[in-house]
Amino acid sequence: MKSNEFDIISIFASMQIYRSMSVPGILTLYKDRIRFQAKGALEGKEMKDTFYLNNVKSIEKSYLPILSRLVITENDGEAWGFHQVDQIEAKQFISLYEDVKSFSEN
C-alpha cells in the first residue's frame, strides 16, 4: 500500500476459510480494491488478501440474528465469505463500495 493512499472504510470481519473455521481481521475498502488483513496468529498468512474492484462481480449481504455476513464474488465465480460484520457497518460498506464502483466506471 502506498503511504499517500487512504482507506474509505474499514470494518471488523472474519474470513470464512472452511465451513467451521474463520480468521478474524479487518476488511478495508480503497478506491481500487478491497483488502483483508488477518489479526492474531494468522496475521500475514491470509489465503487471499486483495480483491481488485475490476475483478469483483458483486458483494452481497445476508442478515444473521445479530451480525451480518458479506460475500464477495469475483468475476470467475469464486466467492469469499466474511462473517461477524456489524449490520450497520455492512450496509455502509456495501453502499460505499457501490459509490466507488460507479465512480470508477464513469
PDB file of N, CA and C in Angstrom:
ATOM      1  N   MET A   1       0.837  -1.168   0.000  1.00  0.00           N
ATOM      2  CA  MET A   1       0.000   0.000   0.000  1.00  0.00           C
ATOM      3  C   MET A   1       0.889   1.242   0.000  1.00  0.00           C
ATOM      4  N   LYS A   2       0.522   2.208  -0.802  1.00  0.00           N
ATOM      5  CA  LYS A   2       1.271   3.458  -0.863  1.00  0.00           C
ATOM      6  C   LYS A   2       0.957   4.307   0.359  1.00  0.00           C
ATOM      7  N   SER A   3       1.914   5.056   0.822  1.00  0.00           N
ATOM      8  CA  SER A   3       1.727   5.826   2.043  1.00  0.00           C
ATOM      9  C   SER A   3       0.746   6.980   1.871  1.00  0.00           C
ATOM     10  N   ASN A   4       0.512   7.448   0.638  1.00  0.00           N
ATOM     11  CA  ASN A   4      -0.413   8.561   0.432  1.00  0.00           C
ATOM     12  C   ASN A   4      -1.827   8.072   0.121  1.00  0.00           C
ATOM     13  N   GLU A   5      -2.086   6.790   0.282  1.00  0.00           N
ATOM     14  CA  GLU A   5      -3.386   6.222  -0.025  1.00  0.00           C
ATOM     15  C   GLU A   5      -4.198   6.058   1.250  1.00  0.00           C
ATOM     16  N   PHE A   6      -5.464   6.470   1.185  1.00  0.00           N
ATOM     17  CA  PHE A   6      -6.324   6.421   2.354  1.00  0.00           C
ATOM     18  C   PHE A   6      -7.436   5.408   2.149  1.00  0.00           C
ATOM     19  N   ASP A   7      -7.823   4.757   3.229  1.00  0.00           N
ATOM     20  CA  ASP A   7      -8.939   3.830   3.142  1.00  0.00           C
ATOM     21  C   ASP A   7     -10.249   4.611   3.178  1.00  0.00           C
ATOM     22  N   ILE A   8     -11.267   4.054   2.558  1.00  0.00           N
ATOM     23  CA  ILE A   8     -12.586   4.666   2.540  1.00  0.00           C
ATOM     24  C   ILE A   8     -13.372   4.216   3.753  1.00  0.00           C
ATOM     25  N   ILE A   9     -13.300   2.927   4.046  1.00  0.00           N
ATOM     26  CA  ILE A   9     -13.938   2.375   5.239  1.00  0.00           C
ATOM     27  C   ILE A   9     -13.211   1.093   5.625  1.00  0.00           C
ATOM     28  N   SER A  10     -13.078   0.866   6.918  1.00  0.00           N
ATOM     29  CA  SER A  10     -12.505  -0.374   7.454  1.00  0.00           C
ATOM     30  C   SER A  10     -13.484  -0.934   8.469  1.00  0.00           C
ATOM     31  N   ILE A  11     -13.730  -2.237   8.376  1.00  0.00           N
ATOM     32  CA  ILE A  11     -14.652  -2.883   9.305  1.00  0.00           C
ATOM     33  C   ILE A  11     -14.056  -4.193   9.801  1.00  0.00           C
ATOM     34  N   PHE A  12     -14.503  -4.616  10.979  1.00  0.00           N
ATOM     35  CA  PHE A  12     -14.096  -5.915  11.506  1.00  0.00           C
ATOM     36  C   PHE A  12     -14.885  -6.994  10.775  1.00  0.00           C
ATOM     37  N   ALA A  13     -14.212  -8.054  10.375  1.00  0.00           N
ATOM     38  CA  ALA A  13     -14.860  -9.194   9.726  1.00  0.00           C
ATOM     39  C   ALA A  13     -14.010 -10.430   9.928  1.00  0.00           C
ATOM     40  N   SER A  14     -14.635 -11.579   9.858  1.00  0.00           N
ATOM     41  CA  SER A  14     -13.907 -12.846   9.919  1.00  0.00           C
ATOM     42  C   SER A  14     -14.068 -13.550   8.588  1.00  0.00           C
ATOM     43  N   MET A  15     -12.924 -13.820   7.927  1.00  0.00           N
ATOM     44  CA  MET A  15     -12.955 -14.524   6.646  1.00  0.00           C
ATOM     45  C   MET A  15     -13.196 -16.008   6.891  1.00  0.00           C
ATOM     46  N   GLN A  16     -14.219 -16.545   6.244  1.00  0.00           N
ATOM     47  CA  GLN A  16     -14.502 -17.965   6.385  1.00  0.00           C
ATOM     48  C   GLN A  16     -13.537 -18.759   5.518  1.00  0.00           C
ATOM     49  N   ILE A  17     -12.752 -19.612   6.156  1.00  0.00           N
ATOM     50  CA  ILE A  17     -11.772 -20.440   5.457  1.00  0.00           C
ATOM     51  C   ILE A  17     -12.391 -21.792   5.127  1.00  0.00           C
ATOM     52  N   TYR A  18     -12.917 -22.434   6.128  1.00  0.00           N
ATOM     53  CA  TYR A  18     -13.635 -23.701   5.980  1.00  0.00           C
ATOM     54  C   TYR A  18     -15.001 -23.511   6.606  1.00  0.00           C
ATOM     55  N   ARG A  19     -15.846 -24.483   6.474  1.00  0.00           N
ATOM     56  CA  ARG A  19     -17.210 -24.366   6.999  1.00  0.00           C
ATOM     57  C   ARG A  19     -17.229 -23.972   8.483  1.00  0.00           C
ATOM     58  N   SER A  20     -16.295 -24.505   9.249  1.00  0.00           N
ATOM     59  CA  SER A  20     -16.303 -24.236  10.687  1.00  0.00           C
ATOM     60  C   SER A  20     -15.103 -23.415  11.157  1.00  0.00           C
ATOM     61  N   MET A  21     -14.343 -22.816  10.228  1.00  0.00           N
ATOM     62  CA  MET A  21     -13.156 -22.053  10.632  1.00  0.00           C
ATOM     63  C   MET A  21     -13.151 -20.680   9.967  1.00  0.00           C
ATOM     64  N   SER A  22     -12.995 -19.660  10.790  1.00  0.00           N
ATOM     65  CA  SER A  22     -12.907 -18.289  10.296  1.00  0.00           C
ATOM     66  C   SER A  22     -11.674 -17.614  10.870  1.00  0.00           C
ATOM     67  N   VAL A  23     -11.149 -16.648  10.124  1.00  0.00           N
ATOM     68  CA  VAL A  23      -9.981 -15.892  10.554  1.00  0.00           C
ATOM     69  C   VAL A  23     -10.412 -14.450  10.799  1.00  0.00           C
ATOM     70  N   PRO A  24     -10.274 -13.931  12.030  1.00  0.00           N
ATOM     71  CA  PRO A  24     -10.672 -12.553  12.300  1.00  0.00           C
ATOM     72  C   PRO A  24      -9.690 -11.555  11.693  1.00  0.00           C
ATOM     73  N   GLY A  25     -10.217 -10.391  11.323  1.00  0.00           N
ATOM     74  CA  GLY A  25      -9.351  -9.357  10.763  1.00  0.00           C
ATOM     75  C   GLY A  25     -10.119  -8.113  10.382  1.00  0.00           C
ATOM     76  N   ILE A  26      -9.494  -7.314   9.542  1.00  0.00           N
ATOM     77  CA  ILE A  26     -10.054  -6.035   9.112  1.00  0.00           C
ATOM     78  C   ILE A  26     -10.231  -6.059   7.599  1.00  0.00           C
ATOM     79  N   LEU A  27     -11.443  -5.722   7.151  1.00  0.00           N
ATOM     80  CA  LEU A  27     -11.773  -5.628   5.732  1.00  0.00           C
ATOM     81  C   LEU A  27     -11.811  -4.144   5.385  1.00  0.00           C
ATOM     82  N   THR A  28     -10.981  -3.731   4.427  1.00  0.00           N
ATOM     83  CA  THR A  28     -10.833  -2.313   4.097  1.00  0.00           C
ATOM     84  C   THR A  28     -11.135  -2.069   2.626  1.00  0.00           C
ATOM     85  N   LEU A  29     -11.932  -1.034   2.380  1.00  0.00           N
ATOM     86  CA  LEU A  29     -12.247  -0.617   1.018  1.00  0.00           C
ATOM     87  C   LEU A  29     -11.365   0.562   0.647  1.00  0.00           C
ATOM     88  N   TYR A  30     -10.677   0.435  -0.483  1.00  0.00           N
ATOM     89  CA  TYR A  30      -9.884   1.509  -1.073  1.00  0.00           C
ATOM     90  C   TYR A  30     -10.545   1.895  -2.390  1.00  0.00           C
ATOM     91  N   LYS A  31      -9.996   2.874  -3.078  1.00  0.00           N
ATOM     92  CA  LYS A  31     -10.624   3.326  -4.328  1.00  0.00           C
ATOM     93  C   LYS A  31     -10.506   2.308  -5.457  1.00  0.00           C
ATOM     94  N   ASP A  32      -9.582   1.345  -5.356  1.00  0.00           N
ATOM     95  CA  ASP A  32      -9.389   0.382  -6.433  1.00  0.00           C
ATOM     96  C   ASP A  32      -9.420  -1.078  -5.989  1.00  0.00           C
ATOM     97  N   ARG A  33      -9.579  -1.317  -4.683  1.00  0.00           N
ATOM     98  CA  ARG A  33      -9.529  -2.693  -4.191  1.00  0.00           C
ATOM     99  C   ARG A  33     -10.138  -2.803  -2.792  1.00  0.00           C
ATOM    100  N   ILE A  34     -10.344  -4.034  -2.405  1.00  0.00           N
ATOM    101  CA  ILE A  34     -10.742  -4.370  -1.034  1.00  0.00           C
ATOM    102  C   ILE A  34      -9.620  -5.238  -0.494  1.00  0.00           C
ATOM    103  N   ARG A  35      -9.213  -4.959   0.735  1.00  0.00           N
ATOM    104  CA  ARG A  35      -8.108  -5.725   1.321  1.00  0.00           C
ATOM    105  C   ARG A  35      -8.544  -6.302   2.655  1.00  0.00           C
ATOM    106  N   PHE A  36      -8.180  -7.563   2.888  1.00  0.00           N
ATOM    107  CA  PHE A  36      -8.425  -8.213   4.169  1.00  0.00           C
ATOM    108  C   PHE A  36      -7.098  -8.432   4.859  1.00  0.00           C
ATOM    109  N   GLN A  37      -6.995  -7.960   6.103  1.00  0.00           N
ATOM    110  CA  GLN A  37      -5.781  -8.156   6.885  1.00  0.00           C
ATOM    111  C   GLN A  37      -6.144  -8.945   8.132  1.00  0.00           C
ATOM    112  N   ALA A  38      -5.644 -10.161   8.197  1.00  0.00           N
ATOM    113  CA  ALA A  38      -5.909 -11.029   9.345  1.00  0.00           C
ATOM    114  C   ALA A  38      -5.257 -10.455  10.600  1.00  0.00           C
ATOM    115  N   LYS A  39      -5.838 -10.749  11.724  1.00  0.00           N
ATOM    116  CA  LYS A  39      -5.294 -10.356  13.026  1.00  0.00           C
ATOM    117  C   LYS A  39      -5.040 -11.612  13.840  1.00  0.00           C
ATOM    118  N   GLY A  40      -4.091 -11.545  14.739  1.00  0.00           N
ATOM    119  CA  GLY A  40      -3.807 -12.686  15.594  1.00  0.00           C
ATOM    120  C   GLY A  40      -2.768 -13.611  15.001  1.00  0.00           C
ATOM    121  N   ALA A  41      -2.915 -14.902  15.272  1.00  0.00           N
ATOM    122  CA  ALA A  41      -1.912 -15.904  14.898  1.00  0.00           C
ATOM    123  C   ALA A  41      -1.698 -16.023  13.390  1.00  0.00           C
ATOM    124  N   LEU A  42      -2.731 -15.727  12.598  1.00  0.00           N
ATOM    125  CA  LEU A  42      -2.610 -15.877  11.143  1.00  0.00           C
ATOM    126  C   LEU A  42      -2.306 -14.568  10.426  1.00  0.00           C
ATOM    127  N   GLU A  43      -1.935 -13.536  11.160  1.00  0.00           N
ATOM    128  CA  GLU A  43      -1.621 -12.248  10.543  1.00  0.00           C
ATOM    129  C   GLU A  43      -0.496 -12.409   9.522  1.00  0.00           C
ATOM    130  N   GLY A  44      -0.734 -11.903   8.316  1.00  0.00           N
ATOM    131  CA  GLY A  44       0.254 -12.002   7.255  1.00  0.00           C
ATOM    132  C   GLY A  44       0.223 -13.314   6.484  1.00  0.00           C
ATOM    133  N   LYS A  45      -0.671 -14.223   6.869  1.00  0.00           N
ATOM    134  CA  LYS A  45      -0.748 -15.537   6.218  1.00  0.00           C
ATOM    135  C   LYS A  45      -2.137 -15.771   5.621  1.00  0.00           C
ATOM    136  N   GLU A  46      -2.808 -14.700   5.168  1.00  0.00           N
ATOM    137  CA  GLU A  46      -4.143 -14.802   4.624  1.00  0.00           C
ATOM    138  C   GLU A  46      -4.145 -15.664   3.360  1.00  0.00           C
ATOM    139  N   MET A  47      -5.209 -16.430   3.162  1.00  0.00           N
ATOM    140  CA  MET A  47      -5.339 -17.224   1.939  1.00  0.00           C
ATOM    141  C   MET A  47      -5.474 -16.290   0.732  1.00  0.00           C
ATOM    142  N   LYS A  48      -6.215 -15.235   0.915  1.00  0.00           N
ATOM    143  CA  LYS A  48      -6.372 -14.205  -0.110  1.00  0.00           C
ATOM    144  C   LYS A  48      -6.559 -12.904   0.644  1.00  0.00           C
ATOM    145  N   ASP A  49      -5.818 -11.869   0.233  1.00  0.00           N
ATOM    146  CA  ASP A  49      -5.931 -10.620   0.977  1.00  0.00           C
ATOM    147  C   ASP A  49      -6.357  -9.423   0.129  1.00  0.00           C
ATOM    148  N   THR A  50      -6.342  -9.554  -1.209  1.00  0.00           N
ATOM    149  CA  THR A  50      -6.666  -8.415  -2.055  1.00  0.00           C
ATOM    150  C   THR A  50      -7.699  -8.802  -3.108  1.00  0.00           C
ATOM    151  N   PHE A  51      -8.726  -7.979  -3.201  1.00  0.00           N
ATOM    152  CA  PHE A  51      -9.785  -8.150  -4.193  1.00  0.00           C
ATOM    153  C   PHE A  51      -9.837  -6.853  -4.999  1.00  0.00           C
ATOM    154  N   TYR A  52      -9.337  -6.882  -6.228  1.00  0.00           N
ATOM    155  CA  TYR A  52      -9.357  -5.679  -7.062  1.00  0.00           C
ATOM    156  C   TYR A  52     -10.771  -5.444  -7.566  1.00  0.00           C
ATOM    157  N   LEU A  53     -11.243  -4.194  -7.475  1.00  0.00           N
ATOM    158  CA  LEU A  53     -12.630  -3.889  -7.790  1.00  0.00           C
ATOM    159  C   LEU A  53     -13.012  -4.282  -9.216  1.00  0.00           C
ATOM    160  N   ASN A  54     -12.070  -4.197 -10.161  1.00  0.00           N
ATOM    161  CA  ASN A  54     -12.405  -4.588 -11.528  1.00  0.00           C
ATOM    162  C   ASN A  54     -12.592  -6.102 -11.667  1.00  0.00           C
ATOM    163  N   ASN A  55     -12.210  -6.869 -10.637  1.00  0.00           N
ATOM    164  CA  ASN A  55     -12.411  -8.320 -10.631  1.00  0.00           C
ATOM    165  C   ASN A  55     -13.564  -8.748  -9.723  1.00  0.00           C
ATOM    166  N   VAL A  56     -14.219  -7.784  -9.058  1.00  0.00           N
ATOM    167  CA  VAL A  56     -15.325  -8.101  -8.160  1.00  0.00           C
ATOM    168  C   VAL A  56     -16.636  -8.002  -8.933  1.00  0.00           C
ATOM    169  N   LYS A  57     -17.353  -9.115  -8.970  1.00  0.00           N
ATOM    170  CA  LYS A  57     -18.652  -9.144  -9.653  1.00  0.00           C
ATOM    171  C   LYS A  57     -19.736  -8.548  -8.765  1.00  0.00           C
ATOM    172  N   SER A  58     -19.710  -8.907  -7.467  1.00  0.00           N
ATOM    173  CA  SER A  58     -20.739  -8.399  -6.552  1.00  0.00           C
ATOM    174  C   SER A  58     -20.301  -8.572  -5.100  1.00  0.00           C
ATOM    175  N   ILE A  59     -20.985  -7.806  -4.247  1.00  0.00           N
ATOM    176  CA  ILE A  59     -20.872  -8.001  -2.796  1.00  0.00           C
ATOM    177  C   ILE A  59     -22.299  -8.109  -2.298  1.00  0.00           C
ATOM    178  N   GLU A  60     -22.582  -9.199  -1.636  1.00  0.00           N
ATOM    179  CA  GLU A  60     -23.921  -9.414  -1.113  1.00  0.00           C
ATOM    180  C   GLU A  60     -23.873  -9.495   0.404  1.00  0.00           C
ATOM    181  N   LYS A  61     -24.984  -9.082   0.994  1.00  0.00           N
ATOM    182  CA  LYS A  61     -25.090  -9.062   2.451  1.00  0.00           C
ATOM    183  C   LYS A  61     -26.253  -9.959   2.844  1.00  0.00           C
ATOM    184  N   SER A  62     -26.061 -10.758   3.870  1.00  0.00           N
ATOM    185  CA  SER A  62     -27.170 -11.510   4.448  1.00  0.00           C
ATOM    186  C   SER A  62     -27.181 -11.238   5.941  1.00  0.00           C
ATOM    187  N   TYR A  63     -28.378 -11.131   6.469  1.00  0.00           N
ATOM    188  CA  TYR A  63     -28.516 -10.826   7.891  1.00  0.00           C
ATOM    189  C   TYR A  63     -28.606 -12.098   8.703  1.00  0.00           C
ATOM    190  N   LEU A  64     -27.861 -12.114   9.758  1.00  0.00           N
ATOM    191  CA  LEU A  64     -27.940 -13.167  10.754  1.00  0.00           C
ATOM    192  C   LEU A  64     -28.620 -12.523  11.959  1.00  0.00           C
ATOM    193  N   PRO A  65     -28.975 -13.264  12.981  1.00  0.00           N
ATOM    194  CA  PRO A  65     -29.715 -12.662  14.099  1.00  0.00           C
ATOM    195  C   PRO A  65     -29.089 -11.392  14.696  1.00  0.00           C
ATOM    196  N   ILE A  66     -27.787 -11.357  14.871  1.00  0.00           N
ATOM    197  CA  ILE A  66     -27.156 -10.186  15.488  1.00  0.00           C
ATOM    198  C   ILE A  66     -26.219  -9.493  14.512  1.00  0.00           C
ATOM    199  N   LEU A  67     -25.462 -10.241  13.763  1.00  0.00           N
ATOM    200  CA  LEU A  67     -24.464  -9.691  12.861  1.00  0.00           C
ATOM    201  C   LEU A  67     -24.832 -10.013  11.413  1.00  0.00           C
ATOM    202  N   SER A  68     -24.065  -9.472  10.493  1.00  0.00           N
ATOM    203  CA  SER A  68     -24.286  -9.725   9.067  1.00  0.00           C
ATOM    204  C   SER A  68     -23.164 -10.564   8.498  1.00  0.00           C
ATOM    205  N   ARG A  69     -23.396 -11.023   7.286  1.00  0.00           N
ATOM    206  CA  ARG A  69     -22.401 -11.776   6.528  1.00  0.00           C
ATOM    207  C   ARG A  69     -22.265 -11.095   5.175  1.00  0.00           C
ATOM    208  N   LEU A  70     -21.033 -10.852   4.750  1.00  0.00           N
ATOM    209  CA  LEU A  70     -20.765 -10.311   3.423  1.00  0.00           C
ATOM    210  C   LEU A  70     -20.127 -11.399   2.580  1.00  0.00           C
ATOM    211  N   VAL A  71     -20.526 -11.457   1.306  1.00  0.00           N
ATOM    212  CA  VAL A  71     -19.915 -12.403   0.376  1.00  0.00           C
ATOM    213  C   VAL A  71     -19.420 -11.606  -0.827  1.00  0.00           C
ATOM    214  N   ILE A  72     -18.113 -11.678  -1.056  1.00  0.00           N
ATOM    215  CA  ILE A  72     -17.502 -11.045  -2.222  1.00  0.00           C
ATOM    216  C   ILE A  72     -17.383 -12.125  -3.289  1.00  0.00           C
ATOM    217  N   THR A  73     -18.048 -11.895  -4.430  1.00  0.00           N
ATOM    218  CA  THR A  73     -17.975 -12.836  -5.545  1.00  0.00           C
ATOM    219  C   THR A  73     -17.155 -12.201  -6.654  1.00  0.00           C
ATOM    220  N   GLU A  74     -16.140 -12.929  -7.086  1.00  0.00           N
ATOM    221  CA  GLU A  74     -15.269 -12.431  -8.146  1.00  0.00           C
ATOM    222  C   GLU A  74     -15.844 -12.797  -9.511  1.00  0.00           C
ATOM    223  N   ASN A  75     -15.325 -12.150 -10.555  1.00  0.00           N
ATOM    224  CA  ASN A  75     -15.812 -12.384 -11.920  1.00  0.00           C
ATOM    225  C   ASN A  75     -15.722 -13.843 -12.342  1.00  0.00           C
ATOM    226  N   ASP A  76     -14.760 -14.584 -11.796  1.00  0.00           N
ATOM    227  CA  ASP A  76     -14.612 -16.000 -12.144  1.00  0.00           C
ATOM    228  C   ASP A  76     -15.555 -16.902 -11.350  1.00  0.00           C
ATOM    229  N   GLY A  77     -16.401 -16.303 -10.505  1.00  0.00           N
ATOM    230  CA  GLY A  77     -17.380 -17.055  -9.732  1.00  0.00           C
ATOM    231  C   GLY A  77     -16.920 -17.467  -8.350  1.00  0.00           C
ATOM    232  N   GLU A  78     -15.653 -17.253  -8.033  1.00  0.00           N
ATOM    233  CA  GLU A  78     -15.153 -17.617  -6.702  1.00  0.00           C
ATOM    234  C   GLU A  78     -15.746 -16.667  -5.659  1.00  0.00           C
ATOM    235  N   ALA A  79     -16.281 -17.248  -4.592  1.00  0.00           N
ATOM    236  CA  ALA A  79     -16.932 -16.460  -3.543  1.00  0.00           C
ATOM    237  C   ALA A  79     -16.137 -16.557  -2.242  1.00  0.00           C
ATOM    238  N   TRP A  80     -16.034 -15.420  -1.564  1.00  0.00           N
ATOM    239  CA  TRP A  80     -15.312 -15.331  -0.296  1.00  0.00           C
ATOM    240  C   TRP A  80     -16.267 -14.773   0.749  1.00  0.00           C
ATOM    241  N   GLY A  81     -16.491 -15.541   1.818  1.00  0.00           N
ATOM    242  CA  GLY A  81     -17.430 -15.141   2.862  1.00  0.00           C
ATOM    243  C   GLY A  81     -16.739 -14.473   4.031  1.00  0.00           C
ATOM    244  N   PHE A  82     -17.392 -13.439   4.542  1.00  0.00           N
ATOM    245  CA  PHE A  82     -16.905 -12.711   5.718  1.00  0.00           C
ATOM    246  C   PHE A  82     -18.043 -12.635   6.730  1.00  0.00           C
ATOM    247  N   HIS A  83     -17.797 -13.165   7.916  1.00  0.00           N
ATOM    248  CA  HIS A  83     -18.804 -13.237   8.968  1.00  0.00           C
ATOM    249  C   HIS A  83     -18.523 -12.209  10.062  1.00  0.00           C
ATOM    250  N   GLN A  84     -19.422 -12.168  11.026  1.00  0.00           N
ATOM    251  CA  GLN A  84     -19.272 -11.334  12.227  1.00  0.00           C
ATOM    252  C   GLN A  84     -19.124  -9.857  11.882  1.00  0.00           C
ATOM    253  N   VAL A  85     -19.878  -9.392  10.897  1.00  0.00           N
ATOM    254  CA  VAL A  85     -19.840  -7.993  10.485  1.00  0.00           C
ATOM    255  C   VAL A  85     -21.036  -7.279  11.105  1.00  0.00           C
ATOM    256  N   ASP A  86     -20.789  -6.169  11.757  1.00  0.00           N
ATOM    257  CA  ASP A  86     -21.862  -5.354  12.315  1.00  0.00           C
ATOM    258  C   ASP A  86     -22.835  -4.985  11.193  1.00  0.00           C
ATOM    259  N   GLN A  87     -24.149  -5.069  11.460  1.00  0.00           N
ATOM    260  CA  GLN A  87     -25.157  -4.830  10.422  1.00  0.00           C
ATOM    261  C   GLN A  87     -25.077  -3.425   9.833  1.00  0.00           C
ATOM    262  N   ILE A  88     -24.884  -2.420  10.660  1.00  0.00           N
ATOM    263  CA  ILE A  88     -24.785  -1.036  10.166  1.00  0.00           C
ATOM    264  C   ILE A  88     -23.523  -0.862   9.335  1.00  0.00           C
ATOM    265  N   GLU A  89     -22.417  -1.430   9.801  1.00  0.00           N
ATOM    266  CA  GLU A  89     -21.162  -1.336   9.056  1.00  0.00           C
ATOM    267  C   GLU A  89     -21.242  -2.083   7.724  1.00  0.00           C
ATOM    268  N   ALA A  90     -21.935  -3.216   7.706  1.00  0.00           N
ATOM    269  CA  ALA A  90     -22.101  -3.981   6.463  1.00  0.00           C
ATOM    270  C   ALA A  90     -22.861  -3.144   5.434  1.00  0.00           C
ATOM    271  N   LYS A  91     -23.906  -2.494   5.882  1.00  0.00           N
ATOM    272  CA  LYS A  91     -24.712  -1.645   4.996  1.00  0.00           C
ATOM    273  C   LYS A  91     -23.872  -0.479   4.464  1.00  0.00           C
ATOM    274  N   GLN A  92     -23.102   0.152   5.336  1.00  0.00           N
ATOM    275  CA  GLN A  92     -22.209   1.257   4.944  1.00  0.00           C
ATOM    276  C   GLN A  92     -21.159   0.790   3.944  1.00  0.00           C
ATOM    277  N   PHE A  93     -20.564  -0.366   4.218  1.00  0.00           N
ATOM    278  CA  PHE A  93     -19.504  -0.902   3.369  1.00  0.00           C
ATOM    279  C   PHE A  93     -20.032  -1.118   1.949  1.00  0.00           C
ATOM    280  N   ILE A  94     -21.188  -1.747   1.837  1.00  0.00           N
ATOM    281  CA  ILE A  94     -21.761  -2.017   0.518  1.00  0.00           C
ATOM    282  C   ILE A  94     -22.150  -0.724  -0.187  1.00  0.00           C
ATOM    283  N   SER A  95     -22.718   0.206   0.531  1.00  0.00           N
ATOM    284  CA  SER A  95     -23.101   1.493  -0.058  1.00  0.00           C
ATOM    285  C   SER A  95     -21.875   2.231  -0.602  1.00  0.00           C
ATOM    286  N   LEU A  96     -20.816   2.287   0.181  1.00  0.00           N
ATOM    287  CA  LEU A  96     -19.592   2.955  -0.266  1.00  0.00           C
ATOM    288  C   LEU A  96     -18.925   2.187  -1.412  1.00  0.00           C
ATOM    289  N   TYR A  97     -18.972   0.861  -1.360  1.00  0.00           N
ATOM    290  CA  TYR A  97     -18.444   0.045  -2.465  1.00  0.00           C
ATOM    291  C   TYR A  97     -19.176   0.395  -3.767  1.00  0.00           C
ATOM    292  N   GLU A  98     -20.495   0.468  -3.700  1.00  0.00           N
ATOM    293  CA  GLU A  98     -21.288   0.790  -4.890  1.00  0.00           C
ATOM    294  C   GLU A  98     -20.965   2.185  -5.408  1.00  0.00           C
ATOM    295  N   ASP A  99     -20.760   3.143  -4.496  1.00  0.00           N
ATOM    296  CA  ASP A  99     -20.374   4.510  -4.904  1.00  0.00           C
ATOM    297  C   ASP A  99     -19.026   4.505  -5.614  1.00  0.00           C
ATOM    298  N   VAL A 100     -18.045   3.822  -5.028  1.00  0.00           N
ATOM    299  CA  VAL A 100     -16.705   3.765  -5.610  1.00  0.00           C
ATOM    300  C   VAL A 100     -16.753   3.064  -6.959  1.00  0.00           C
ATOM    301  N   LYS A 101     -17.465   1.958  -7.028  1.00  0.00           N
ATOM    302  CA  LYS A 101     -17.555   1.187  -8.274  1.00  0.00           C
ATOM    303  C   LYS A 101     -18.209   2.017  -9.378  1.00  0.00           C
ATOM    304  N   SER A 102     -19.303   2.733  -9.079  1.00  0.00           N
ATOM    305  CA  SER A 102     -19.964   3.532 -10.098  1.00  0.00           C
ATOM    306  C   SER A 102     -19.109   4.734 -10.496  1.00  0.00           C
ATOM    307  N   PHE A 103     -18.374   5.311  -9.553  1.00  0.00           N
ATOM    308  CA  PHE A 103     -17.498   6.430  -9.870  1.00  0.00           C
ATOM    309  C   PHE A 103     -16.354   5.980 -10.792  1.00  0.00           C
ATOM    310  N   SER A 104     -15.799   4.794 -10.525  1.00  0.00           N
ATOM    311  CA  SER A 104     -14.682   4.313 -11.327  1.00  0.00           C
ATOM    312  C   SER A 104     -15.117   3.887 -12.731  1.00  0.00           C
ATOM    313  N   GLU A 105     -16.404   3.560 -12.905  1.00  0.00           N
ATOM    314  CA  GLU A 105     -16.918   3.180 -14.215  1.00  0.00           C
ATOM    315  C   GLU A 105     -17.186   4.387 -15.101  1.00  0.00           C
ATOM    316  N   ASN A 106     -17.309   5.556 -14.493  1.00  0.00           N
ATOM    317  CA  ASN A 106     -17.591   6.787 -15.260  1.00  0.00           C
ATOM    318  C   ASN A 106     -16.338   7.516 -15.653  1.00  0.00           C
TER     319      ASN A 106
END
